[in-house]
PDB file of all heavy atoms in Angstrom:
ATOM      1  N   GLY A   1      22.995 -42.256 -28.748  1.00  0.00           N
ATOM      2  CA  GLY A   1      23.589 -41.605 -27.587  1.00  0.00           C
ATOM      3  C   GLY A   1      25.076 -41.788 -27.435  1.00  0.00           C
ATOM      4  O   GLY A   1      25.641 -41.406 -26.396  1.00  0.00           O
ATOM      5  N   THR A   2      25.702 -42.344 -28.455  1.00  0.00           N
ATOM      6  CA  THR A   2      27.151 -42.482 -28.371  1.00  0.00           C
ATOM      7  C   THR A   2      27.802 -41.142 -28.156  1.00  0.00           C
ATOM      8  O   THR A   2      27.473 -40.173 -28.810  1.00  0.00           O
ATOM      9  CB  THR A   2      27.696 -43.114 -29.702  1.00  0.00           C
ATOM     10  OG1 THR A   2      27.126 -44.381 -29.901  1.00  0.00           O
ATOM     11  CG2 THR A   2      29.209 -43.261 -29.588  1.00  0.00           C
ATOM     12  N   THR A   3      28.703 -41.097 -27.222  1.00  0.00           N
ATOM     13  CA  THR A   3      29.299 -39.796 -26.782  1.00  0.00           C
ATOM     14  C   THR A   3      30.808 -39.911 -26.845  1.00  0.00           C
ATOM     15  O   THR A   3      31.412 -40.889 -26.430  1.00  0.00           O
ATOM     16  CB  THR A   3      28.828 -39.415 -25.380  1.00  0.00           C
ATOM     17  OG1 THR A   3      27.447 -39.512 -25.297  1.00  0.00           O
ATOM     18  CG2 THR A   3      29.319 -38.021 -25.039  1.00  0.00           C
ATOM     19  N   TYR A   4      31.368 -38.869 -27.427  1.00  0.00           N
ATOM     20  CA  TYR A   4      32.825 -38.696 -27.500  1.00  0.00           C
ATOM     21  C   TYR A   4      33.253 -37.593 -26.470  1.00  0.00           C
ATOM     22  O   TYR A   4      32.524 -36.590 -26.397  1.00  0.00           O
ATOM     23  CB  TYR A   4      33.272 -38.329 -28.886  1.00  0.00           C
ATOM     24  CG  TYR A   4      34.656 -37.727 -28.938  1.00  0.00           C
ATOM     25  CD1 TYR A   4      35.776 -38.535 -28.927  1.00  0.00           C
ATOM     26  CD2 TYR A   4      34.854 -36.349 -28.954  1.00  0.00           C
ATOM     27  CE1 TYR A   4      37.050 -38.000 -28.939  1.00  0.00           C
ATOM     28  CE2 TYR A   4      36.114 -35.808 -29.000  1.00  0.00           C
ATOM     29  CZ  TYR A   4      37.223 -36.651 -28.998  1.00  0.00           C
ATOM     30  OH  TYR A   4      38.459 -36.094 -29.028  1.00  0.00           O
ATOM     31  N   TYR A   5      34.359 -37.850 -25.790  1.00  0.00           N
ATOM     32  CA  TYR A   5      34.962 -36.792 -24.977  1.00  0.00           C
ATOM     33  C   TYR A   5      36.401 -36.616 -25.326  1.00  0.00           C
ATOM     34  O   TYR A   5      37.135 -37.562 -25.581  1.00  0.00           O
ATOM     35  CB  TYR A   5      34.835 -37.199 -23.502  1.00  0.00           C
ATOM     36  CG  TYR A   5      33.452 -37.344 -22.929  1.00  0.00           C
ATOM     37  CD1 TYR A   5      32.837 -38.591 -22.839  1.00  0.00           C
ATOM     38  CD2 TYR A   5      32.749 -36.225 -22.553  1.00  0.00           C
ATOM     39  CE1 TYR A   5      31.564 -38.703 -22.377  1.00  0.00           C
ATOM     40  CE2 TYR A   5      31.418 -36.319 -22.093  1.00  0.00           C
ATOM     41  CZ  TYR A   5      30.875 -37.597 -21.979  1.00  0.00           C
ATOM     42  OH  TYR A   5      29.603 -37.677 -21.473  1.00  0.00           O
ATOM     43  N   ALA A   6      36.813 -35.393 -25.352  1.00  0.00           N
ATOM     44  CA  ALA A   6      38.214 -35.058 -25.520  1.00  0.00           C
ATOM     45  C   ALA A   6      38.990 -35.627 -24.351  1.00  0.00           C
ATOM     46  O   ALA A   6      38.470 -35.678 -23.224  1.00  0.00           O
ATOM     47  CB  ALA A   6      38.444 -33.574 -25.658  1.00  0.00           C
ATOM     48  N   ASP A   7      40.228 -36.006 -24.574  1.00  0.00           N
ATOM     49  CA  ASP A   7      41.051 -36.550 -23.493  1.00  0.00           C
ATOM     50  C   ASP A   7      41.198 -35.593 -22.339  1.00  0.00           C
ATOM     51  O   ASP A   7      41.271 -35.945 -21.155  1.00  0.00           O
ATOM     52  CB  ASP A   7      42.419 -36.914 -23.991  1.00  0.00           C
ATOM     53  CG  ASP A   7      42.418 -38.159 -24.864  1.00  0.00           C
ATOM     54  OD1 ASP A   7      41.431 -38.948 -24.859  1.00  0.00           O
ATOM     55  OD2 ASP A   7      43.426 -38.370 -25.588  1.00  0.00           O
ATOM     56  N   SER A   8      41.172 -34.288 -22.648  1.00  0.00           N
ATOM     57  CA  SER A   8      41.396 -33.254 -21.650  1.00  0.00           C
ATOM     58  C   SER A   8      40.237 -33.204 -20.638  1.00  0.00           C
ATOM     59  O   SER A   8      40.412 -32.571 -19.553  1.00  0.00           O
ATOM     60  CB  SER A   8      41.592 -31.905 -22.301  1.00  0.00           C
ATOM     61  OG  SER A   8      40.505 -31.593 -23.135  1.00  0.00           O
ATOM     62  N   VAL A   9      39.071 -33.731 -20.989  1.00  0.00           N
ATOM     63  CA  VAL A   9      37.917 -33.610 -20.106  1.00  0.00           C
ATOM     64  C   VAL A   9      37.351 -34.976 -19.706  1.00  0.00           C
ATOM     65  O   VAL A   9      36.431 -35.040 -18.893  1.00  0.00           O
ATOM     66  CB  VAL A   9      36.781 -32.792 -20.745  1.00  0.00           C
ATOM     67  CG1 VAL A   9      37.299 -31.423 -21.203  1.00  0.00           C
ATOM     68  CG2 VAL A   9      36.099 -33.528 -21.935  1.00  0.00           C
ATOM     69  N   LYS A  10      37.890 -36.024 -20.281  1.00  0.00           N
ATOM     70  CA  LYS A  10      37.343 -37.336 -19.992  1.00  0.00           C
ATOM     71  C   LYS A  10      37.431 -37.661 -18.515  1.00  0.00           C
ATOM     72  O   LYS A  10      38.441 -37.399 -17.852  1.00  0.00           O
ATOM     73  CB  LYS A  10      38.147 -38.372 -20.808  1.00  0.00           C
ATOM     74  CG  LYS A  10      37.488 -39.684 -21.018  1.00  0.00           C
ATOM     75  CD  LYS A  10      38.275 -40.577 -21.935  1.00  0.00           C
ATOM     76  CE  LYS A  10      38.308 -40.040 -23.364  1.00  0.00           C
ATOM     77  NZ  LYS A  10      39.027 -40.902 -24.286  1.00  0.00           N
ATOM     78  N   GLY A  11      36.316 -38.172 -18.005  1.00  0.00           N
ATOM     79  CA  GLY A  11      36.266 -38.504 -16.570  1.00  0.00           C
ATOM     80  C   GLY A  11      35.791 -37.320 -15.717  1.00  0.00           C
ATOM     81  O   GLY A  11      35.461 -37.496 -14.534  1.00  0.00           O
ATOM     82  N   ARG A  12      35.754 -36.145 -16.274  1.00  0.00           N
ATOM     83  CA  ARG A  12      35.351 -34.991 -15.532  1.00  0.00           C
ATOM     84  C   ARG A  12      34.053 -34.343 -16.093  1.00  0.00           C
ATOM     85  O   ARG A  12      33.231 -33.768 -15.316  1.00  0.00           O
ATOM     86  CB  ARG A  12      36.455 -33.896 -15.560  1.00  0.00           C
ATOM     87  CG  ARG A  12      37.762 -34.343 -14.914  1.00  0.00           C
ATOM     88  CD  ARG A  12      38.766 -33.211 -14.832  1.00  0.00           C
ATOM     89  NE  ARG A  12      39.073 -32.625 -16.177  1.00  0.00           N
ATOM     90  CZ  ARG A  12      38.904 -31.364 -16.484  1.00  0.00           C
ATOM     91  NH1 ARG A  12      38.340 -30.531 -15.626  1.00  0.00           N
ATOM     92  NH2 ARG A  12      39.258 -30.925 -17.667  1.00  0.00           N
ATOM     93  N   PHE A  13      33.873 -34.430 -17.368  1.00  0.00           N
ATOM     94  CA  PHE A  13      32.693 -33.851 -18.029  1.00  0.00           C
ATOM     95  C   PHE A  13      31.725 -34.943 -18.446  1.00  0.00           C
ATOM     96  O   PHE A  13      32.192 -36.049 -18.906  1.00  0.00           O
ATOM     97  CB  PHE A  13      33.072 -33.024 -19.232  1.00  0.00           C
ATOM     98  CG  PHE A  13      33.809 -31.763 -18.951  1.00  0.00           C
ATOM     99  CD1 PHE A  13      34.305 -31.450 -17.710  1.00  0.00           C
ATOM    100  CD2 PHE A  13      34.028 -30.864 -19.991  1.00  0.00           C
ATOM    101  CE1 PHE A  13      35.044 -30.301 -17.446  1.00  0.00           C
ATOM    102  CE2 PHE A  13      34.688 -29.616 -19.777  1.00  0.00           C
ATOM    103  CZ  PHE A  13      35.180 -29.372 -18.480  1.00  0.00           C
ATOM    104  N   THR A  14      30.456 -34.678 -18.404  1.00  0.00           N
ATOM    105  CA  THR A  14      29.446 -35.594 -18.859  1.00  0.00           C
ATOM    106  C   THR A  14      28.383 -34.840 -19.708  1.00  0.00           C
ATOM    107  O   THR A  14      27.868 -33.806 -19.245  1.00  0.00           O
ATOM    108  CB  THR A  14      28.738 -36.278 -17.699  1.00  0.00           C
ATOM    109  OG1 THR A  14      29.722 -36.989 -16.885  1.00  0.00           O
ATOM    110  CG2 THR A  14      27.712 -37.321 -18.159  1.00  0.00           C
ATOM    111  N   THR A  15      28.121 -35.383 -20.848  1.00  0.00           N
ATOM    112  CA  THR A  15      27.051 -34.816 -21.728  1.00  0.00           C
ATOM    113  C   THR A  15      25.809 -35.672 -21.614  1.00  0.00           C
ATOM    114  O   THR A  15      25.903 -36.920 -21.615  1.00  0.00           O
ATOM    115  CB  THR A  15      27.544 -34.799 -23.191  1.00  0.00           C
ATOM    116  OG1 THR A  15      28.648 -33.863 -23.293  1.00  0.00           O
ATOM    117  CG2 THR A  15      26.413 -34.342 -24.119  1.00  0.00           C
ATOM    118  N   SER A  16      24.676 -34.998 -21.524  1.00  0.00           N
ATOM    119  CA  SER A  16      23.410 -35.758 -21.516  1.00  0.00           C
ATOM    120  C   SER A  16      22.411 -35.020 -22.344  1.00  0.00           C
ATOM    121  O   SER A  16      22.514 -33.796 -22.521  1.00  0.00           O
ATOM    122  CB  SER A  16      22.912 -35.920 -20.065  1.00  0.00           C
ATOM    123  OG  SER A  16      22.711 -34.648 -19.446  1.00  0.00           O
ATOM    124  N   ARG A  17      21.414 -35.732 -22.818  1.00  0.00           N
ATOM    125  CA  ARG A  17      20.368 -35.160 -23.628  1.00  0.00           C
ATOM    126  C   ARG A  17      19.033 -35.355 -22.952  1.00  0.00           C
ATOM    127  O   ARG A  17      18.759 -36.443 -22.368  1.00  0.00           O
ATOM    128  CB  ARG A  17      20.296 -35.818 -25.013  1.00  0.00           C
ATOM    129  CG  ARG A  17      21.538 -36.014 -25.748  1.00  0.00           C
ATOM    130  CD  ARG A  17      21.263 -36.695 -27.086  1.00  0.00           C
ATOM    131  NE  ARG A  17      20.334 -35.941 -27.884  1.00  0.00           N
ATOM    132  CZ  ARG A  17      20.568 -35.477 -29.141  1.00  0.00           C
ATOM    133  NH1 ARG A  17      21.727 -35.772 -29.699  1.00  0.00           N
ATOM    134  NH2 ARG A  17      19.657 -34.828 -29.791  1.00  0.00           N
ATOM    135  N   ASP A  18      18.177 -34.337 -23.024  1.00  0.00           N
ATOM    136  CA  ASP A  18      16.820 -34.448 -22.626  1.00  0.00           C
ATOM    137  C   ASP A  18      15.979 -33.986 -23.840  1.00  0.00           C
ATOM    138  O   ASP A  18      15.650 -32.885 -23.990  1.00  0.00           O
ATOM    139  CB  ASP A  18      16.520 -33.585 -21.391  1.00  0.00           C
ATOM    140  CG  ASP A  18      15.098 -33.884 -20.825  1.00  0.00           C
ATOM    141  OD1 ASP A  18      14.236 -34.376 -21.621  1.00  0.00           O
ATOM    142  OD2 ASP A  18      14.871 -33.557 -19.676  1.00  0.00           O
ATOM    143  N   ASN A  19      15.713 -34.952 -24.684  1.00  0.00           N
ATOM    144  CA  ASN A  19      14.989 -34.609 -25.926  1.00  0.00           C
ATOM    145  C   ASN A  19      13.594 -34.046 -25.659  1.00  0.00           C
ATOM    146  O   ASN A  19      13.100 -33.264 -26.472  1.00  0.00           O
ATOM    147  CB  ASN A  19      14.950 -35.840 -26.871  1.00  0.00           C
ATOM    148  CG  ASN A  19      16.262 -36.166 -27.445  1.00  0.00           C
ATOM    149  OD1 ASN A  19      17.158 -35.300 -27.595  1.00  0.00           O
ATOM    150  ND2 ASN A  19      16.474 -37.438 -27.728  1.00  0.00           N
ATOM    151  N   ALA A  20      12.965 -34.481 -24.591  1.00  0.00           N
ATOM    152  CA  ALA A  20      11.621 -33.998 -24.280  1.00  0.00           C
ATOM    153  C   ALA A  20      11.655 -32.473 -23.995  1.00  0.00           C
ATOM    154  O   ALA A  20      10.718 -31.760 -24.204  1.00  0.00           O
ATOM    155  CB  ALA A  20      11.067 -34.748 -23.070  1.00  0.00           C
ATOM    156  N   LYS A  21      12.814 -32.010 -23.480  1.00  0.00           N
ATOM    157  CA  LYS A  21      13.012 -30.565 -23.138  1.00  0.00           C
ATOM    158  C   LYS A  21      13.798 -29.882 -24.244  1.00  0.00           C
ATOM    159  O   LYS A  21      14.095 -28.698 -24.073  1.00  0.00           O
ATOM    160  CB  LYS A  21      13.665 -30.414 -21.790  1.00  0.00           C
ATOM    161  CG  LYS A  21      12.855 -30.883 -20.631  1.00  0.00           C
ATOM    162  CD  LYS A  21      13.539 -30.612 -19.299  1.00  0.00           C
ATOM    163  CE  LYS A  21      12.709 -31.024 -18.133  1.00  0.00           C
ATOM    164  NZ  LYS A  21      13.355 -30.766 -16.835  1.00  0.00           N
ATOM    165  N   ASN A  22      14.126 -30.631 -25.314  1.00  0.00           N
ATOM    166  CA  ASN A  22      14.931 -30.010 -26.389  1.00  0.00           C
ATOM    167  C   ASN A  22      16.234 -29.374 -25.804  1.00  0.00           C
ATOM    168  O   ASN A  22      16.626 -28.298 -26.255  1.00  0.00           O
ATOM    169  CB  ASN A  22      14.156 -28.977 -27.157  1.00  0.00           C
ATOM    170  CG  ASN A  22      13.027 -29.559 -27.902  1.00  0.00           C
ATOM    171  OD1 ASN A  22      13.157 -30.706 -28.444  1.00  0.00           O
ATOM    172  ND2 ASN A  22      11.927 -28.864 -28.008  1.00  0.00           N
ATOM    173  N   THR A  23      16.862 -30.059 -24.878  1.00  0.00           N
ATOM    174  CA  THR A  23      17.989 -29.491 -24.215  1.00  0.00           C
ATOM    175  C   THR A  23      19.115 -30.556 -24.062  1.00  0.00           C
ATOM    176  O   THR A  23      18.815 -31.741 -23.807  1.00  0.00           O
ATOM    177  CB  THR A  23      17.606 -28.983 -22.822  1.00  0.00           C
ATOM    178  OG1 THR A  23      16.600 -27.986 -22.958  1.00  0.00           O
ATOM    179  CG2 THR A  23      18.804 -28.332 -22.102  1.00  0.00           C
ATOM    180  N   VAL A  24      20.333 -30.111 -24.218  1.00  0.00           N
ATOM    181  CA  VAL A  24      21.483 -30.952 -24.027  1.00  0.00           C
ATOM    182  C   VAL A  24      22.294 -30.233 -22.905  1.00  0.00           C
ATOM    183  O   VAL A  24      22.398 -29.051 -22.856  1.00  0.00           O
ATOM    184  CB  VAL A  24      22.339 -31.113 -25.254  1.00  0.00           C
ATOM    185  CG1 VAL A  24      23.599 -31.890 -24.995  1.00  0.00           C
ATOM    186  CG2 VAL A  24      21.512 -31.758 -26.378  1.00  0.00           C
ATOM    187  N   TYR A  25      22.869 -31.094 -22.046  1.00  0.00           N
ATOM    188  CA  TYR A  25      23.638 -30.569 -20.881  1.00  0.00           C
ATOM    189  C   TYR A  25      25.089 -31.001 -20.936  1.00  0.00           C
ATOM    190  O   TYR A  25      25.412 -32.077 -21.462  1.00  0.00           O
ATOM    191  CB  TYR A  25      23.001 -31.074 -19.568  1.00  0.00           C
ATOM    192  CG  TYR A  25      21.535 -30.736 -19.409  1.00  0.00           C
ATOM    193  CD1 TYR A  25      20.575 -31.652 -19.737  1.00  0.00           C
ATOM    194  CD2 TYR A  25      21.164 -29.458 -18.961  1.00  0.00           C
ATOM    195  CE1 TYR A  25      19.237 -31.375 -19.587  1.00  0.00           C
ATOM    196  CE2 TYR A  25      19.809 -29.177 -18.797  1.00  0.00           C
ATOM    197  CZ  TYR A  25      18.831 -30.117 -19.143  1.00  0.00           C
ATOM    198  OH  TYR A  25      17.520 -29.812 -18.977  1.00  0.00           O
ATOM    199  N   LEU A  26      25.910 -30.133 -20.362  1.00  0.00           N
ATOM    200  CA  LEU A  26      27.329 -30.527 -20.168  1.00  0.00           C
ATOM    201  C   LEU A  26      27.659 -30.278 -18.714  1.00  0.00           C
ATOM    202  O   LEU A  26      27.733 -29.146 -18.244  1.00  0.00           O
ATOM    203  CB  LEU A  26      28.264 -29.636 -21.061  1.00  0.00           C
ATOM    204  CG  LEU A  26      29.741 -29.975 -20.948  1.00  0.00           C
ATOM    205  CD1 LEU A  26      30.031 -31.372 -21.511  1.00  0.00           C
ATOM    206  CD2 LEU A  26      30.587 -28.946 -21.628  1.00  0.00           C
ATOM    207  N   GLN A  27      27.702 -31.341 -17.983  1.00  0.00           N
ATOM    208  CA  GLN A  27      28.048 -31.353 -16.577  1.00  0.00           C
ATOM    209  C   GLN A  27      29.573 -31.318 -16.464  1.00  0.00           C
ATOM    210  O   GLN A  27      30.231 -32.233 -16.942  1.00  0.00           O
ATOM    211  CB  GLN A  27      27.483 -32.546 -15.820  1.00  0.00           C
ATOM    212  CG  GLN A  27      27.850 -32.564 -14.335  1.00  0.00           C
ATOM    213  CD  GLN A  27      27.215 -31.438 -13.554  1.00  0.00           C
ATOM    214  OE1 GLN A  27      26.044 -31.168 -13.738  1.00  0.00           O
ATOM    215  NE2 GLN A  27      28.001 -30.854 -12.654  1.00  0.00           N
ATOM    216  N   MET A  28      30.096 -30.291 -15.846  1.00  0.00           N
ATOM    217  CA  MET A  28      31.524 -30.167 -15.701  1.00  0.00           C
ATOM    218  C   MET A  28      31.983 -30.207 -14.247  1.00  0.00           C
ATOM    219  O   MET A  28      31.539 -29.359 -13.465  1.00  0.00           O
ATOM    220  CB  MET A  28      31.971 -28.817 -16.339  1.00  0.00           C
ATOM    221  CG  MET A  28      31.522 -28.619 -17.792  1.00  0.00           C
ATOM    222  SD  MET A  28      32.167 -27.185 -18.598  1.00  0.00           S
ATOM    223  CE  MET A  28      31.457 -25.923 -17.545  1.00  0.00           C
ATOM    224  N   ASN A  29      32.726 -31.213 -13.902  1.00  0.00           N
ATOM    225  CA  ASN A  29      33.210 -31.412 -12.557  1.00  0.00           C
ATOM    226  C   ASN A  29      34.710 -31.250 -12.505  1.00  0.00           C
ATOM    227  O   ASN A  29      35.369 -31.356 -13.489  1.00  0.00           O
ATOM    228  CB  ASN A  29      32.712 -32.740 -12.010  1.00  0.00           C
ATOM    229  CG  ASN A  29      31.224 -32.904 -11.934  1.00  0.00           C
ATOM    230  OD1 ASN A  29      30.505 -31.946 -11.724  1.00  0.00           O
ATOM    231  ND2 ASN A  29      30.779 -34.142 -12.160  1.00  0.00           N
ATOM    232  N   SER A  30      35.194 -31.094 -11.300  1.00  0.00           N
ATOM    233  CA  SER A  30      36.650 -30.992 -11.074  1.00  0.00           C
ATOM    234  C   SER A  30      37.320 -29.985 -12.023  1.00  0.00           C
ATOM    235  O   SER A  30      38.289 -30.305 -12.690  1.00  0.00           O
ATOM    236  CB  SER A  30      37.300 -32.401 -11.225  1.00  0.00           C
ATOM    237  OG  SER A  30      36.749 -33.308 -10.339  1.00  0.00           O
ATOM    238  N   LEU A  31      36.692 -28.897 -12.154  1.00  0.00           N
ATOM    239  CA  LEU A  31      37.159 -27.872 -13.095  1.00  0.00           C
ATOM    240  C   LEU A  31      38.567 -27.356 -12.803  1.00  0.00           C
ATOM    241  O   LEU A  31      38.952 -27.269 -11.674  1.00  0.00           O
ATOM    242  CB  LEU A  31      36.175 -26.682 -13.175  1.00  0.00           C
ATOM    243  CG  LEU A  31      34.913 -26.988 -13.990  1.00  0.00           C
ATOM    244  CD1 LEU A  31      33.762 -25.983 -13.617  1.00  0.00           C
ATOM    245  CD2 LEU A  31      35.161 -26.999 -15.454  1.00  0.00           C
ATOM    246  N   LYS A  32      39.302 -27.092 -13.841  1.00  0.00           N
ATOM    247  CA  LYS A  32      40.691 -26.635 -13.804  1.00  0.00           C
ATOM    248  C   LYS A  32      40.790 -25.264 -14.451  1.00  0.00           C
ATOM    249  O   LYS A  32      39.996 -24.931 -15.320  1.00  0.00           O
ATOM    250  CB  LYS A  32      41.586 -27.625 -14.508  1.00  0.00           C
ATOM    251  CG  LYS A  32      41.497 -29.062 -14.044  1.00  0.00           C
ATOM    252  CD  LYS A  32      42.355 -29.977 -14.868  1.00  0.00           C
ATOM    253  CE  LYS A  32      42.264 -31.392 -14.419  1.00  0.00           C
ATOM    254  NZ  LYS A  32      43.089 -32.317 -15.291  1.00  0.00           N
ATOM    255  N   PRO A  33      41.789 -24.510 -14.144  1.00  0.00           N
ATOM    256  CA  PRO A  33      41.961 -23.218 -14.803  1.00  0.00           C
ATOM    257  C   PRO A  33      42.037 -23.323 -16.275  1.00  0.00           C
ATOM    258  O   PRO A  33      41.582 -22.474 -17.052  1.00  0.00           O
ATOM    259  CB  PRO A  33      43.249 -22.673 -14.142  1.00  0.00           C
ATOM    260  CG  PRO A  33      43.301 -23.306 -12.789  1.00  0.00           C
ATOM    261  CD  PRO A  33      42.729 -24.674 -12.980  1.00  0.00           C
ATOM    262  N   GLU A  34      42.630 -24.405 -16.780  1.00  0.00           N
ATOM    263  CA  GLU A  34      42.742 -24.589 -18.225  1.00  0.00           C
ATOM    264  C   GLU A  34      41.459 -24.888 -18.893  1.00  0.00           C
ATOM    265  O   GLU A  34      41.367 -24.954 -20.137  1.00  0.00           O
ATOM    266  CB  GLU A  34      43.763 -25.663 -18.553  1.00  0.00           C
ATOM    267  CG  GLU A  34      43.541 -27.012 -17.844  1.00  0.00           C
ATOM    268  CD  GLU A  34      44.428 -27.119 -16.571  1.00  0.00           C
ATOM    269  OE1 GLU A  34      44.528 -26.111 -15.799  1.00  0.00           O
ATOM    270  OE2 GLU A  34      44.991 -28.234 -16.311  1.00  0.00           O
ATOM    271  N   ASP A  35      40.353 -25.090 -18.169  1.00  0.00           N
ATOM    272  CA  ASP A  35      39.044 -25.203 -18.724  1.00  0.00           C
ATOM    273  C   ASP A  35      38.403 -23.861 -19.028  1.00  0.00           C
ATOM    274  O   ASP A  35      37.346 -23.815 -19.627  1.00  0.00           O
ATOM    275  CB  ASP A  35      38.104 -25.989 -17.764  1.00  0.00           C
ATOM    276  CG  ASP A  35      38.557 -27.397 -17.525  1.00  0.00           C
ATOM    277  OD1 ASP A  35      38.906 -28.074 -18.508  1.00  0.00           O
ATOM    278  OD2 ASP A  35      38.428 -27.873 -16.402  1.00  0.00           O
ATOM    279  N   THR A  36      39.058 -22.816 -18.643  1.00  0.00           N
ATOM    280  CA  THR A  36      38.530 -21.449 -18.873  1.00  0.00           C
ATOM    281  C   THR A  36      38.452 -21.214 -20.410  1.00  0.00           C
ATOM    282  O   THR A  36      39.426 -21.367 -21.152  1.00  0.00           O
ATOM    283  CB  THR A  36      39.453 -20.407 -18.252  1.00  0.00           C
ATOM    284  OG1 THR A  36      39.404 -20.591 -16.854  1.00  0.00           O
ATOM    285  CG2 THR A  36      38.958 -18.987 -18.613  1.00  0.00           C
ATOM    286  N   ALA A  37      37.274 -20.857 -20.871  1.00  0.00           N
ATOM    287  CA  ALA A  37      37.029 -20.647 -22.277  1.00  0.00           C
ATOM    288  C   ALA A  37      35.591 -20.195 -22.481  1.00  0.00           C
ATOM    289  O   ALA A  37      34.796 -20.214 -21.523  1.00  0.00           O
ATOM    290  CB  ALA A  37      37.283 -21.889 -23.059  1.00  0.00           C
ATOM    291  N   VAL A  38      35.279 -19.803 -23.679  1.00  0.00           N
ATOM    292  CA  VAL A  38      33.876 -19.620 -24.083  1.00  0.00           C
ATOM    293  C   VAL A  38      33.476 -20.967 -24.644  1.00  0.00           C
ATOM    294  O   VAL A  38      34.100 -21.544 -25.470  1.00  0.00           O
ATOM    295  CB  VAL A  38      33.751 -18.517 -25.147  1.00  0.00           C
ATOM    296  CG1 VAL A  38      32.251 -18.409 -25.577  1.00  0.00           C
ATOM    297  CG2 VAL A  38      34.179 -17.191 -24.637  1.00  0.00           C
ATOM    298  N   TYR A  39      32.322 -21.459 -24.122  1.00  0.00           N
ATOM    299  CA  TYR A  39      31.774 -22.758 -24.529  1.00  0.00           C
ATOM    300  C   TYR A  39      30.565 -22.532 -25.417  1.00  0.00           C
ATOM    301  O   TYR A  39      29.731 -21.712 -25.143  1.00  0.00           O
ATOM    302  CB  TYR A  39      31.347 -23.524 -23.267  1.00  0.00           C
ATOM    303  CG  TYR A  39      32.549 -24.113 -22.539  1.00  0.00           C
ATOM    304  CD1 TYR A  39      33.417 -23.330 -21.833  1.00  0.00           C
ATOM    305  CD2 TYR A  39      32.761 -25.477 -22.550  1.00  0.00           C
ATOM    306  CE1 TYR A  39      34.519 -23.840 -21.140  1.00  0.00           C
ATOM    307  CE2 TYR A  39      33.854 -26.061 -21.845  1.00  0.00           C
ATOM    308  CZ  TYR A  39      34.709 -25.212 -21.181  1.00  0.00           C
ATOM    309  OH  TYR A  39      35.796 -25.720 -20.496  1.00  0.00           O
TER     310      TYR A  39
END
């Protein structure tokens, strides 16, 4: 579960895994206009 975050999102974004649901999440808080992109 070691996780890397880019400096631009550190402290605002959180990645988590739910292997039972075969799903990974990206929680994005304190969003900024510069976060606008296709993910």
